[in-house]
C-alpha atoms as a PDB file:
ATOM      1  CA  MET A   1     -59.919 194.648 123.732  1.00  0.00           C
ATOM      2  CA  PHE A   2     -62.383 192.896 121.430  1.00  0.00           C
ATOM      3  CA  VAL A   3     -65.396 191.510 123.313  1.00  0.00           C
ATOM      4  CA  ASP A   4     -68.124 189.826 121.271  1.00  0.00           C
ATOM      5  CA  TYR A   5     -70.234 188.112 123.953  1.00  0.00           C
ATOM      6  CA  ALA A   6     -71.791 189.312 127.201  1.00  0.00           C
ATOM      7  CA  VAL A   7     -74.583 188.330 129.573  1.00  0.00           C
ATOM      8  CA  ILE A   8     -76.282 191.122 131.513  1.00  0.00           C
ATOM      9  CA  ASP A   9     -79.190 191.503 133.941  1.00  0.00           C
ATOM     10  CA  VAL A  10     -81.685 194.250 133.153  1.00  0.00           C
ATOM     11  CA  ALA A  11     -84.567 195.523 135.278  1.00  0.00           C
ATOM     12  CA  ALA A  12     -87.179 198.029 134.197  1.00  0.00           C
ATOM     13  CA  GLY A  13     -88.408 200.684 136.598  1.00  0.00           C
ATOM     14  CA  VAL A  14     -91.204 200.053 139.086  1.00  0.00           C
ATOM     15  CA  GLY A  15     -94.368 202.082 138.536  1.00  0.00           C
ATOM     16  CA  GLY A  16     -95.207 204.792 141.047  1.00  0.00           C
ATOM     17  CA  SER A  17     -98.007 204.123 143.520  1.00  0.00           C
ATOM     18  CA  GLY A  18    -101.298 205.972 143.424  1.00  0.00           C
ATOM     19  CA  ALA A  19    -102.048 208.591 146.059  1.00  0.00           C
ATOM     20  CA  GLU A  20    -104.757 208.897 148.658  1.00  0.00           C
ATOM     21  CA  ALA A  21    -105.623 212.567 148.906  1.00  0.00           C
ATOM     22  CA  TRP A  22    -108.655 214.798 149.432  1.00  0.00           C
ATOM     23  CA  ARG A  23    -109.760 218.000 147.891  1.00  0.00           C
ATOM     24  CA  ARG A  24    -109.434 220.850 150.385  1.00  0.00           C
ATOM     25  CA  GLU A  25    -110.634 224.197 149.049  1.00  0.00           C
ATOM     26  CA  THR A  26    -112.407 227.158 150.500  1.00  0.00           C
ATOM     27  CA  PHE A  27    -116.182 227.049 150.118  1.00  0.00           C
ATOM     28  CA  VAL A  28    -116.025 223.413 148.973  1.00  0.00           C
ATOM     29  CA  PRO A  29    -117.226 221.452 152.001  1.00  0.00           C
ATOM     30  CA  ARG A  30    -117.361 218.124 150.223  1.00  0.00           C
ATOM     31  CA  GLY A  31    -114.378 218.123 147.916  1.00  0.00           C
ATOM     32  CA  GLY A  32    -114.084 214.395 147.482  1.00  0.00           C
ATOM     33  CA  PRO A  33    -111.057 212.236 146.590  1.00  0.00           C
ATOM     34  CA  ALA A  34    -108.137 213.852 144.717  1.00  0.00           C
ATOM     35  CA  GLY A  35    -105.370 211.221 144.695  1.00  0.00           C
ATOM     36  CA  GLY A  36    -103.441 211.108 141.408  1.00  0.00           C
ATOM     37  CA  THR A  37    -102.054 208.136 139.492  1.00  0.00           C
ATOM     38  CA  GLY A  38     -98.440 207.093 139.811  1.00  0.00           C
ATOM     39  CA  GLY A  39     -95.988 207.466 136.933  1.00  0.00           C
ATOM     40  CA  ARG A  40     -94.946 204.586 134.707  1.00  0.00           C
ATOM     41  CA  GLY A  41     -91.589 202.932 135.311  1.00  0.00           C
ATOM     42  CA  GLY A  42     -88.843 203.437 132.745  1.00  0.00           C
ATOM     43  CA  ASP A  43     -88.067 200.823 130.082  1.00  0.00           C
ATOM     44  CA  VAL A  44     -84.682 199.270 129.330  1.00  0.00           C
ATOM     45  CA  ILE A  45     -83.935 199.863 125.657  1.00  0.00           C
ATOM     46  CA  LEU A  46     -81.109 198.638 123.432  1.00  0.00           C
ATOM     47  CA  ARG A  47     -80.001 200.962 120.626  1.00  0.00           C
ATOM     48  CA  ALA A  48     -77.612 200.093 117.776  1.00  0.00           C
ATOM     49  CA  ASP A  49     -74.799 202.645 117.684  1.00  0.00           C
ATOM     50  CA  PRO A  50     -72.407 202.506 114.689  1.00  0.00           C
ATOM     51  CA  GLN A  51     -69.697 204.214 116.742  1.00  0.00           C
ATOM     52  CA  LEU A  52     -69.308 201.033 118.821  1.00  0.00           C
ATOM     53  CA  THR A  53     -67.473 197.950 117.586  1.00  0.00           C
ATOM     54  CA  THR A  54     -67.363 195.683 120.658  1.00  0.00           C
ATOM     55  CA  LEU A  55     -69.385 194.753 123.746  1.00  0.00           C
ATOM     56  CA  LEU A  56     -66.558 195.816 126.040  1.00  0.00           C
ATOM     57  CA  ASP A  57     -68.731 198.070 128.245  1.00  0.00           C
ATOM     58  CA  PHE A  58     -70.851 195.109 129.312  1.00  0.00           C
ATOM     59  CA  ARG A  59     -67.849 193.188 130.614  1.00  0.00           C
ATOM     60  CA  TYR A  60     -67.318 195.604 133.503  1.00  0.00           C
ATOM     61  CA  GLN A  61     -70.959 196.317 134.338  1.00  0.00           C
ATOM     62  CA  THR A  62     -73.527 193.545 134.150  1.00  0.00           C
ATOM     63  CA  HIS A  63     -76.526 194.924 136.093  1.00  0.00           C
ATOM     64  CA  TYR A  64     -78.735 197.708 134.743  1.00  0.00           C
ATOM     65  CA  ARG A  65     -81.912 199.209 136.182  1.00  0.00           C
ATOM     66  CA  ALA A  66     -84.170 201.902 134.747  1.00  0.00           C
ATOM     67  CA  GLU A  67     -85.643 204.719 136.852  1.00  0.00           C
ATOM     68  CA  ARG A  68     -88.837 204.076 138.805  1.00  0.00           C
ATOM     69  CA  GLY A  69     -91.963 206.186 138.314  1.00  0.00           C
ATOM     70  CA  GLN A  70     -92.852 208.821 140.889  1.00  0.00           C
ATOM     71  CA  HIS A  71     -95.861 208.398 143.130  1.00  0.00           C
ATOM     72  CA  GLY A  72     -99.131 210.164 142.420  1.00  0.00           C
ATOM     73  CA  GLN A  73     -99.897 213.368 144.315  1.00  0.00           C
ATOM     74  CA  GLY A  74    -102.834 215.302 145.595  1.00  0.00           C
ATOM     75  CA  LYS A  75    -105.018 217.536 143.435  1.00  0.00           C
ATOM     76  CA  ASN A  76    -105.198 214.648 140.947  1.00  0.00           C
ATOM     77  CA  ARG A  77    -101.589 215.177 139.904  1.00  0.00           C
ATOM     78  CA  THR A  78    -100.013 212.227 138.090  1.00  0.00           C
ATOM     79  CA  GLY A  79     -96.509 211.199 139.103  1.00  0.00           C
ATOM     80  CA  ARG A  80     -93.668 211.692 136.626  1.00  0.00           C
ATOM     81  CA  ASP A  81     -92.792 208.691 134.452  1.00  0.00           C
ATOM     82  CA  GLY A  82     -89.437 207.078 135.118  1.00  0.00           C
ATOM     83  CA  GLU A  83     -86.705 207.787 132.597  1.00  0.00           C
ATOM     84  CA  SER A  84     -85.949 204.888 130.276  1.00  0.00           C
ATOM     85  CA  LEU A  85     -82.439 203.452 130.305  1.00  0.00           C
ATOM     86  CA  VAL A  86     -80.859 203.258 126.841  1.00  0.00           C
ATOM     87  CA  LEU A  87     -77.961 200.816 126.411  1.00  0.00           C
ATOM     88  CA  ARG A  88     -75.887 201.229 123.262  1.00  0.00           C
ATOM     89  CA  VAL A  89     -74.678 198.164 121.374  1.00  0.00           C
ATOM     90  CA  PRO A  90     -72.764 197.830 118.086  1.00  0.00           C
ATOM     91  CA  PRO A  91     -74.736 196.997 114.926  1.00  0.00           C
ATOM     92  CA  GLY A  92     -74.705 193.268 114.337  1.00  0.00           C
ATOM     93  CA  THR A  93     -75.600 192.382 117.932  1.00  0.00           C
ATOM     94  CA  VAL A  94     -77.960 189.446 118.428  1.00  0.00           C
ATOM     95  CA  VAL A  95     -80.084 189.698 121.579  1.00  0.00           C
ATOM     96  CA  LYS A  96     -81.363 186.517 123.231  1.00  0.00           C
ATOM     97  CA  ASP A  97     -83.007 185.539 126.483  1.00  0.00           C
ATOM     98  CA  ALA A  98     -80.153 183.970 128.439  1.00  0.00           C
ATOM     99  CA  GLU A  99     -82.454 181.582 130.292  1.00  0.00           C
ATOM    100  CA  THR A 100     -84.519 180.191 127.391  1.00  0.00           C
ATOM    101  CA  GLY A 101     -82.343 180.999 124.366  1.00  0.00           C
ATOM    102  CA  GLU A 102     -85.305 182.788 122.743  1.00  0.00           C
ATOM    103  CA  LEU A 103     -84.301 185.300 120.076  1.00  0.00           C
ATOM    104  CA  ILE A 104     -85.396 188.789 121.113  1.00  0.00           C
ATOM    105  CA  ALA A 105     -83.957 190.905 118.305  1.00  0.00           C
ATOM    106  CA  GLU A 106     -81.126 191.335 115.819  1.00  0.00           C
ATOM    107  CA  MET A 107     -79.673 194.828 115.914  1.00  0.00           C
ATOM    108  CA  VAL A 108     -78.681 195.295 112.286  1.00  0.00           C
ATOM    109  CA  GLU A 109     -79.419 198.909 111.339  1.00  0.00           C
ATOM    110  CA  ALA A 110     -77.867 201.981 112.935  1.00  0.00           C
ATOM    111  CA  GLY A 111     -80.325 203.623 115.312  1.00  0.00           C
ATOM    112  CA  GLN A 112     -82.499 200.514 115.626  1.00  0.00           C
ATOM    113  CA  GLU A 113     -84.094 200.193 119.066  1.00  0.00           C
ATOM    114  CA  VAL A 114     -85.731 197.336 120.947  1.00  0.00           C
ATOM    115  CA  VAL A 115     -87.317 197.283 124.403  1.00  0.00           C
ATOM    116  CA  VAL A 116     -85.890 194.361 126.376  1.00  0.00           C
ATOM    117  CA  ALA A 117     -87.649 195.133 129.675  1.00  0.00           C
ATOM    118  CA  LYS A 118     -90.902 197.076 130.031  1.00  0.00           C
ATOM    119  CA  GLY A 119     -91.491 199.411 132.943  1.00  0.00           C
ATOM    120  CA  GLY A 120     -94.275 198.796 135.452  1.00  0.00           C
ATOM    121  CA  ARG A 121     -97.552 200.656 135.129  1.00  0.00           C
ATOM    122  CA  GLY A 122     -98.435 203.424 137.552  1.00  0.00           C
ATOM    123  CA  GLY A 123    -100.917 202.631 140.320  1.00  0.00           C
ATOM    124  CA  ARG A 124    -104.261 204.432 140.405  1.00  0.00           C
ATOM    125  CA  GLY A 125    -105.023 206.983 143.113  1.00  0.00           C
ATOM    126  CA  ASN A 126    -108.180 206.992 145.204  1.00  0.00           C
ATOM    127  CA  SER A 127    -109.915 209.447 142.851  1.00  0.00           C
ATOM    128  CA  SER A 128    -110.013 206.698 140.210  1.00  0.00           C
ATOM    129  CA  PHE A 129    -112.193 204.530 142.461  1.00  0.00           C
ATOM    130  CA  ALA A 130    -114.940 207.047 143.182  1.00  0.00           C
ATOM    131  CA  THR A 131    -118.428 205.794 142.304  1.00  0.00           C
ATOM    132  CA  PRO A 132    -121.967 207.048 143.011  1.00  0.00           C
ATOM    133  CA  THR A 133    -122.183 204.565 145.874  1.00  0.00           C
ATOM    134  CA  ASN A 134    -118.645 205.095 147.159  1.00  0.00           C
ATOM    135  CA  GLN A 135    -117.867 208.771 146.817  1.00  0.00           C
ATOM    136  CA  ALA A 136    -115.004 208.766 149.321  1.00  0.00           C
ATOM    137  CA  PRO A 137    -112.788 205.727 148.594  1.00  0.00           C
ATOM    138  CA  THR A 138    -109.797 205.371 150.867  1.00  0.00           C
ATOM    139  CA  PHE A 139    -107.819 202.851 148.868  1.00  0.00           C
ATOM    140  CA  TRP A 140    -105.259 203.170 146.076  1.00  0.00           C
ATOM    141  CA  GLU A 141    -103.078 200.880 143.955  1.00  0.00           C
ATOM    142  CA  PRO A 142     -99.364 200.226 144.271  1.00  0.00           C
ATOM    143  CA  GLY A 143     -97.269 200.578 141.158  1.00  0.00           C
ATOM    144  CA  GLY A 144     -96.652 197.569 138.929  1.00  0.00           C
ATOM    145  CA  GLU A 145     -93.332 195.754 138.992  1.00  0.00           C
ATOM    146  CA  GLY A 146     -90.999 196.321 136.067  1.00  0.00           C
ATOM    147  CA  GLU A 147     -89.776 193.384 133.985  1.00  0.00           C
ATOM    148  CA  GLU A 148     -86.522 191.763 135.006  1.00  0.00           C
ATOM    149  CA  ARG A 149     -84.615 189.393 132.765  1.00  0.00           C
ATOM    150  CA  ARG A 150     -81.160 188.130 131.923  1.00  0.00           C
ATOM    151  CA  ILE A 151     -80.169 188.660 128.314  1.00  0.00           C
ATOM    152  CA  ALA A 152     -77.251 187.448 126.228  1.00  0.00           C
ATOM    153  CA  LEU A 153     -75.605 189.789 123.730  1.00  0.00           C
ATOM    154  CA  GLU A 154     -73.749 188.155 120.865  1.00  0.00           C
ATOM    155  CA  LEU A 155     -71.924 190.298 118.306  1.00  0.00           C
ATOM    156  CA  LYS A 156     -71.779 189.176 114.686  1.00  0.00           C
ATOM    157  CA  LEU A 157     -69.761 191.496 112.514  1.00  0.00           C
ATOM    158  CA  ILE A 158     -71.505 192.825 109.427  1.00  0.00           C
ATOM    159  CA  ALA A 159     -69.276 192.368 106.384  1.00  0.00           C
ATOM    160  CA  ASP A 160     -69.685 191.616 102.686  1.00  0.00           C
ATOM    161  CA  VAL A 161     -66.764 189.192 102.353  1.00  0.00           C
ATOM    162  CA  GLY A 162     -65.419 186.765 104.941  1.00  0.00           C
ATOM    163  CA  LEU A 163     -61.864 185.401 104.725  1.00  0.00           C
ATOM    164  CA  VAL A 164     -61.521 181.756 105.753  1.00  0.00           C
ATOM    165  CA  GLY A 165     -58.273 179.846 106.021  1.00  0.00           C
ATOM    166  CA  LYS A 166     -55.859 178.001 108.241  1.00  0.00           C
ATOM    167  CA  PRO A 167     -53.287 179.884 110.331  1.00  0.00           C
ATOM    168  CA  ASN A 168     -50.671 181.645 108.172  1.00  0.00           C
ATOM    169  CA  ALA A 169     -52.767 181.336 105.012  1.00  0.00           C
ATOM    170  CA  GLY A 170     -52.204 185.037 104.288  1.00  0.00           C
ATOM    171  CA  LYS A 171     -55.576 186.422 105.383  1.00  0.00           C
ATOM    172  CA  SER A 172     -54.189 189.330 107.396  1.00  0.00           C
ATOM    173  CA  THR A 173     -51.598 190.093 104.714  1.00  0.00           C
ATOM    174  CA  LEU A 174     -54.326 190.282 102.086  1.00  0.00           C
ATOM    175  CA  LEU A 175     -56.543 192.486 104.241  1.00  0.00           C
ATOM    176  CA  ALA A 176     -53.663 194.876 104.934  1.00  0.00           C
ATOM    177  CA  ALA A 177     -52.755 195.008 101.218  1.00  0.00           C
ATOM    178  CA  ILE A 178     -56.220 195.975  99.949  1.00  0.00           C
ATOM    179  CA  SER A 179     -57.584 198.103 102.807  1.00  0.00           C
ATOM    180  CA  ALA A 180     -56.503 200.534 105.491  1.00  0.00           C
ATOM    181  CA  ALA A 181     -56.789 197.843 108.188  1.00  0.00           C
ATOM    182  CA  THR A 182     -53.642 197.102 110.183  1.00  0.00           C
ATOM    183  CA  PRO A 183     -53.960 193.516 111.459  1.00  0.00           C
ATOM    184  CA  LYS A 184     -50.996 191.890 113.162  1.00  0.00           C
ATOM    185  CA  ILE A 185     -48.803 189.997 110.690  1.00  0.00           C
ATOM    186  CA  ALA A 186     -46.030 187.581 111.651  1.00  0.00           C
ATOM    187  CA  ASP A 187     -44.443 184.309 110.502  1.00  0.00           C
ATOM    188  CA  TYR A 188     -45.962 182.139 113.244  1.00  0.00           C
ATOM    189  CA  PRO A 189     -49.459 180.643 113.634  1.00  0.00           C
ATOM    190  CA  PHE A 190     -52.402 182.403 115.263  1.00  0.00           C
ATOM    191  CA  THR A 191     -51.099 185.938 114.945  1.00  0.00           C
ATOM    192  CA  THR A 192     -54.741 186.980 114.461  1.00  0.00           C
ATOM    193  CA  LEU A 193     -56.426 186.664 117.842  1.00  0.00           C
ATOM    194  CA  GLN A 194     -59.582 188.652 117.085  1.00  0.00           C
ATOM    195  CA  PRO A 195     -61.644 189.519 113.995  1.00  0.00           C
ATOM    196  CA  ASN A 196     -60.550 192.445 111.872  1.00  0.00           C
ATOM    197  CA  LEU A 197     -62.646 194.532 109.504  1.00  0.00           C
ATOM    198  CA  GLY A 198     -61.336 196.435 106.512  1.00  0.00           C
ATOM    199  CA  VAL A 199     -63.076 198.679 103.988  1.00  0.00           C
ATOM    200  CA  VAL A 200     -61.926 197.878 100.446  1.00  0.00           C
ATOM    201  CA  LYS A 201     -62.103 200.805  98.031  1.00  0.00           C
ATOM    202  CA  LEU A 202     -62.399 200.274  94.277  1.00  0.00           C
ATOM    203  CA  SER A 203     -62.707 202.722  91.393  1.00  0.00           C
ATOM    204  CA  ASP A 204     -65.895 204.739  90.828  1.00  0.00           C
ATOM    205  CA  HIS A 205     -66.409 205.144  94.586  1.00  0.00           C
ATOM    206  CA  ARG A 206     -67.235 201.451  95.049  1.00  0.00           C
ATOM    207  CA  THR A 207     -66.556 199.960  98.468  1.00  0.00           C
ATOM    208  CA  PHE A 208     -67.203 196.771 100.369  1.00  0.00           C
ATOM    209  CA  VAL A 209     -66.307 195.447 103.816  1.00  0.00           C
ATOM    210  CA  MET A 210     -64.052 192.441 104.349  1.00  0.00           C
ATOM    211  CA  ALA A 211     -63.740 190.451 107.592  1.00  0.00           C
ATOM    212  CA  ASP A 212     -60.683 188.457 108.655  1.00  0.00           C
ATOM    213  CA  ILE A 213     -61.136 185.895 111.459  1.00  0.00           C
ATOM    214  CA  PRO A 214     -58.509 183.802 113.276  1.00  0.00           C
ATOM    215  CA  GLY A 215     -57.241 180.741 111.454  1.00  0.00           C
ATOM    216  CA  ILE A 216     -59.322 177.570 111.444  1.00  0.00           C
ATOM    217  CA  ILE A 217     -57.704 174.206 112.137  1.00  0.00           C
ATOM    218  CA  GLU A 218     -59.109 170.697 111.958  1.00  0.00           C
ATOM    219  CA  GLY A 219     -61.397 170.127 114.920  1.00  0.00           C
ATOM    220  CA  ALA A 220     -62.334 173.798 115.293  1.00  0.00           C
ATOM    221  CA  HIS A 221     -66.027 172.875 115.540  1.00  0.00           C
ATOM    222  CA  VAL A 222     -65.310 171.017 118.790  1.00  0.00           C
ATOM    223  CA  GLY A 223     -63.266 173.845 120.274  1.00  0.00           C
ATOM    224  CA  LYS A 224     -59.743 173.386 118.912  1.00  0.00           C
ATOM    225  CA  GLY A 225     -57.840 176.545 118.060  1.00  0.00           C
ATOM    226  CA  LEU A 226     -59.531 179.948 117.927  1.00  0.00           C
ATOM    227  CA  GLY A 227     -61.716 179.708 114.830  1.00  0.00           C
ATOM    228  CA  LEU A 228     -64.877 178.279 116.396  1.00  0.00           C
ATOM    229  CA  ARG A 229     -65.386 181.236 118.699  1.00  0.00           C
ATOM    230  CA  PHE A 230     -65.265 183.684 115.808  1.00  0.00           C
ATOM    231  CA  LEU A 231     -67.068 181.732 113.075  1.00  0.00           C
ATOM    232  CA  ARG A 232     -70.238 183.649 113.936  1.00  0.00           C
ATOM    233  CA  HIS A 233     -68.646 186.746 112.435  1.00  0.00           C
ATOM    234  CA  ILE A 234     -68.843 185.379 108.887  1.00  0.00           C
ATOM    235  CA  GLU A 235     -72.450 184.179 109.107  1.00  0.00           C
ATOM    236  CA  ARG A 236     -73.812 187.446 107.703  1.00  0.00           C
ATOM    237  CA  THR A 237     -71.361 187.847 104.834  1.00  0.00           C
ATOM    238  CA  ARG A 238     -72.527 187.889 101.211  1.00  0.00           C
ATOM    239  CA  THR A 239     -69.747 185.549 100.130  1.00  0.00           C
ATOM    240  CA  LEU A 240     -66.722 183.725 101.532  1.00  0.00           C
ATOM    241  CA  ALA A 241     -63.169 183.526 100.256  1.00  0.00           C
ATOM    242  CA  PHE A 242     -61.217 180.370 101.118  1.00  0.00           C
ATOM    243  CA  LEU A 243     -57.506 181.209 101.263  1.00  0.00           C
ATOM    244  CA  LEU A 244     -55.151 178.330 100.481  1.00  0.00           C
ATOM    245  CA  PRO A 245     -51.383 179.020 100.568  1.00  0.00           C
ATOM    246  CA  LEU A 246     -49.395 177.488  97.725  1.00  0.00           C
ATOM    247  CA  ASP A 247     -46.775 176.268 100.194  1.00  0.00           C
ATOM    248  CA  ALA A 248     -49.344 173.945 101.818  1.00  0.00           C
ATOM    249  CA  GLU A 249     -48.584 170.223 101.716  1.00  0.00           C
ATOM    250  CA  ASP A 250     -51.982 169.253 100.259  1.00  0.00           C
ATOM    251  CA  LEU A 251     -54.217 172.014  98.886  1.00  0.00           C
ATOM    252  CA  GLN A 252     -57.131 169.677  98.210  1.00  0.00           C
ATOM    253  CA  ALA A 253     -57.128 168.278 101.735  1.00  0.00           C
ATOM    254  CA  GLU A 254     -56.850 171.741 103.255  1.00  0.00           C
ATOM    255  CA  TYR A 255     -59.796 172.973 101.194  1.00  0.00           C
ATOM    256  CA  ALA A 256     -61.881 169.961 102.240  1.00  0.00           C
ATOM    257  CA  THR A 257     -61.007 170.489 105.908  1.00  0.00           C
ATOM    258  CA  LEU A 258     -62.070 174.123 105.870  1.00  0.00           C
ATOM    259  CA  ARG A 259     -65.408 173.335 104.241  1.00  0.00           C
ATOM    260  CA  GLU A 260     -66.098 170.519 106.667  1.00  0.00           C
ATOM    261  CA  GLU A 261     -65.322 172.686 109.704  1.00  0.00           C
ATOM    262  CA  LEU A 262     -67.771 175.333 108.476  1.00  0.00           C
ATOM    263  CA  ARG A 263     -70.412 172.692 107.819  1.00  0.00           C
ATOM    264  CA  SER A 264     -69.939 171.215 111.290  1.00  0.00           C
ATOM    265  CA  HIS A 265     -70.366 174.642 112.856  1.00  0.00           C
ATOM    266  CA  LEU A 266     -73.421 175.727 110.839  1.00  0.00           C
ATOM    267  CA  GLU A 267     -74.947 174.034 107.813  1.00  0.00           C
ATOM    268  CA  GLU A 268     -75.834 177.413 106.283  1.00  0.00           C
ATOM    269  CA  LEU A 269     -72.155 178.336 106.119  1.00  0.00           C
ATOM    270  CA  ALA A 270     -71.424 175.276 103.967  1.00  0.00           C
ATOM    271  CA  GLY A 271     -73.957 176.463 101.404  1.00  0.00           C
ATOM    272  CA  LYS A 272     -72.828 180.093 101.333  1.00  0.00           C
ATOM    273  CA  PRO A 273     -71.312 181.215  97.990  1.00  0.00           C
ATOM    274  CA  HIS A 274     -67.535 181.111  98.042  1.00  0.00           C
ATOM    275  CA  CYS A 275     -64.448 181.471  95.918  1.00  0.00           C
ATOM    276  CA  VAL A 276     -60.985 179.960  96.298  1.00  0.00           C
ATOM    277  CA  VAL A 277     -57.933 182.204  96.577  1.00  0.00           C
ATOM    278  CA  LEU A 278     -54.538 180.574  96.129  1.00  0.00           C
ATOM    279  CA  THR A 279     -52.143 182.829  98.033  1.00  0.00           C
ATOM    280  CA  LYS A 280     -48.359 183.270  98.127  1.00  0.00           C
ATOM    281  CA  SER A 281     -47.927 182.841  94.359  1.00  0.00           C
ATOM    282  CA  ASP A 282     -44.580 184.647  94.704  1.00  0.00           C
ATOM    283  CA  LEU A 283     -43.218 181.372  96.124  1.00  0.00           C
ATOM    284  CA  LEU A 284     -43.754 179.585  92.791  1.00  0.00           C
ATOM    285  CA  PRO A 285     -40.739 179.304  90.498  1.00  0.00           C
ATOM    286  CA  PRO A 286     -41.015 181.557  87.403  1.00  0.00           C
ATOM    287  CA  GLY A 287     -43.251 180.011  84.753  1.00  0.00           C
ATOM    288  CA  GLU A 288     -44.585 177.246  86.986  1.00  0.00           C
ATOM    289  CA  GLU A 289     -48.357 176.862  87.146  1.00  0.00           C
ATOM    290  CA  PRO A 290     -50.118 176.372  90.493  1.00  0.00           C
ATOM    291  CA  PRO A 291     -51.322 172.832  91.240  1.00  0.00           C
ATOM    292  CA  ALA A 292     -54.806 171.895  90.084  1.00  0.00           C
ATOM    293  CA  LEU A 293     -57.616 172.114  92.611  1.00  0.00           C
ATOM    294  CA  ASP A 294     -61.005 170.436  92.398  1.00  0.00           C
ATOM    295  CA  ALA A 295     -63.534 173.012  93.667  1.00  0.00           C
ATOM    296  CA  PRO A 296     -66.752 172.574  91.660  1.00  0.00           C
ATOM    297  CA  ASP A 297     -68.877 174.525  94.144  1.00  0.00           C
ATOM    298  CA  ALA A 298     -66.672 177.628  94.052  1.00  0.00           C
ATOM    299  CA  TRP A 299     -67.796 180.497  91.843  1.00  0.00           C
ATOM    300  CA  GLY A 300     -64.184 181.408  91.077  1.00  0.00           C
ATOM    301  CA  VAL A 301     -60.543 180.471  91.610  1.00  0.00           C
ATOM    302  CA  TYR A 302     -57.886 183.196  91.883  1.00  0.00           C
ATOM    303  CA  VAL A 303     -54.116 183.096  92.191  1.00  0.00           C
ATOM    304  CA  ILE A 304     -52.629 186.056  94.057  1.00  0.00           C
ATOM    305  CA  SER A 305     -49.637 187.358  95.924  1.00  0.00           C
ATOM    306  CA  ALA A 306     -50.537 190.043  98.438  1.00  0.00           C
ATOM    307  CA  VAL A 307     -46.856 190.757  99.067  1.00  0.00           C
ATOM    308  CA  ALA A 308     -46.026 191.205  95.383  1.00  0.00           C
ATOM    309  CA  GLN A 309     -49.406 192.828  94.623  1.00  0.00           C
ATOM    310  CA  ARG A 310     -50.210 190.269  91.917  1.00  0.00           C
ATOM    311  CA  GLY A 311     -53.723 189.181  90.987  1.00  0.00           C
ATOM    312  CA  LEU A 312     -55.394 191.521  93.457  1.00  0.00           C
ATOM    313  CA  ASP A 313     -57.354 193.568  90.908  1.00  0.00           C
ATOM    314  CA  GLU A 314     -58.927 190.461  89.375  1.00  0.00           C
ATOM    315  CA  LEU A 315     -59.832 189.150  92.828  1.00  0.00           C
ATOM    316  CA  LEU A 316     -61.422 192.409  93.989  1.00  0.00           C
ATOM    317  CA  GLU A 317     -63.452 192.838  90.805  1.00  0.00           C
ATOM    318  CA  GLY A 318     -64.635 189.244  91.121  1.00  0.00           C
ATOM    319  CA  LEU A 319     -65.673 189.775  94.725  1.00  0.00           C
ATOM    320  CA  TRP A 320     -67.491 192.994  93.834  1.00  0.00           C
ATOM    321  CA  SER A 321     -69.434 191.286  91.045  1.00  0.00           C
ATOM    322  CA  ARG A 322     -70.409 188.445  93.335  1.00  0.00           C
ATOM    323  CA  ILE A 323     -71.551 190.838  96.077  1.00  0.00           C
ATOM    324  CA  GLN A 324     -73.777 192.648  93.580  1.00  0.00           C
ATOM    325  CA  GLN A 325     -75.212 189.387  92.296  1.00  0.00           C
ATOM    326  CA  THR A 326     -76.011 188.162  95.804  1.00  0.00           C
ATOM    327  CA  THR A 327     -77.624 191.489  96.630  1.00  0.00           C
ATOM    328  CA  ARG A 328     -79.875 191.263  93.573  1.00  0.00           C
ATOM    329  CA  GLU A 329     -80.872 187.719  94.527  1.00  0.00           C
ATOM    330  CA  LEU A 330     -81.800 188.782  98.055  1.00  0.00           C
ATOM    331  CA  TRP A 331     -83.468 192.021  97.035  1.00  0.00           C
ATOM    332  CA  PRO A 332     -84.868 191.919  93.481  1.00  0.00           C
ATOM    333  CA  PRO A 333     -85.072 195.212  91.520  1.00  0.00           C
ATOM    334  CA  ASP A 334     -88.688 195.865  92.550  1.00  0.00           C
ATOM    335  CA  GLU A 335     -87.614 195.717  96.213  1.00  0.00           C
ATOM    336  CA  GLU A 336     -84.477 197.839  95.942  1.00  0.00           C
ATOM    337  CA  GLU A 337     -86.119 200.763  97.707  1.00  0.00           C
ATOM    338  CA  GLU A 338     -86.698 198.599 100.773  1.00  0.00           C
ATOM    339  CA  TRP A 339     -83.167 197.203 100.866  1.00  0.00           C
ATOM    340  CA  ARG A 340     -80.681 198.585 103.340  1.00  0.00           C
ATOM    341  CA  PRO A 341     -77.146 197.170 103.344  1.00  0.00           C
END
């Protein structure tokens, strides 16, 4: 089951209380206070784990609490700190405060960690309050409360290329033809019910990741169809590929609809580099040219048939070149050492 959104309640551990204790040793008639400090409460930490691909675990458990710190002890012994609770999330997870919508972190790199709830401090024991005028204090501090908050986890897949098209435009067929992904393929609309990722391998050990999302229909930005829910998964892509089937009634209108739906969802998506891929060229009669398409903003137009394996090499090389160009624009040569895909 693919789960890309979850809301959970997290609570850090309470700090341990300080101790009231007295030094009792032979030949020490006035030992004085010896109460130790309590341990610190454990934090709640999120860690990006590349072995995870969904937020499924957070659907069945929504409340998490870290361990509390132990109380201080006599002989000035400090209580043990509470163990932090580490929650694993897939890379690409956006963490927000569910109450305010404030962005807490974006978990992009494998192994990245962020503290979402800090543990309470440990309370001081009575030995910490001894002064020249009060050499036998009888008071101590309770441990501090740990942070509690409700956070929203939103998964955005990390891919280089995002496939955009209406239902039955051939997105899943293309992904299956050029990668090892096995999306569901059928001759009826909305066969893709969740995003699919595929690793495309080229010559010379070159690879890039392609994402296929459910088909987008007119009105998707107001909740029609399935596309709106999954549009977030193409926000991080380097480039988009608009797939238009050659058996469509009006290619120009379909292209305009797709661009408008992306713009209505997020203005940044409308300005993202994209190419146009005319699919199902095997349906054209021999020798017939595909209809003309006005796409001045596209960096390329390709005619392919995933079923007949035609035009795929040109498309993949074009996508690779565009990915490299976008990478150089984002991270110039003098910053390459700092870039991490």
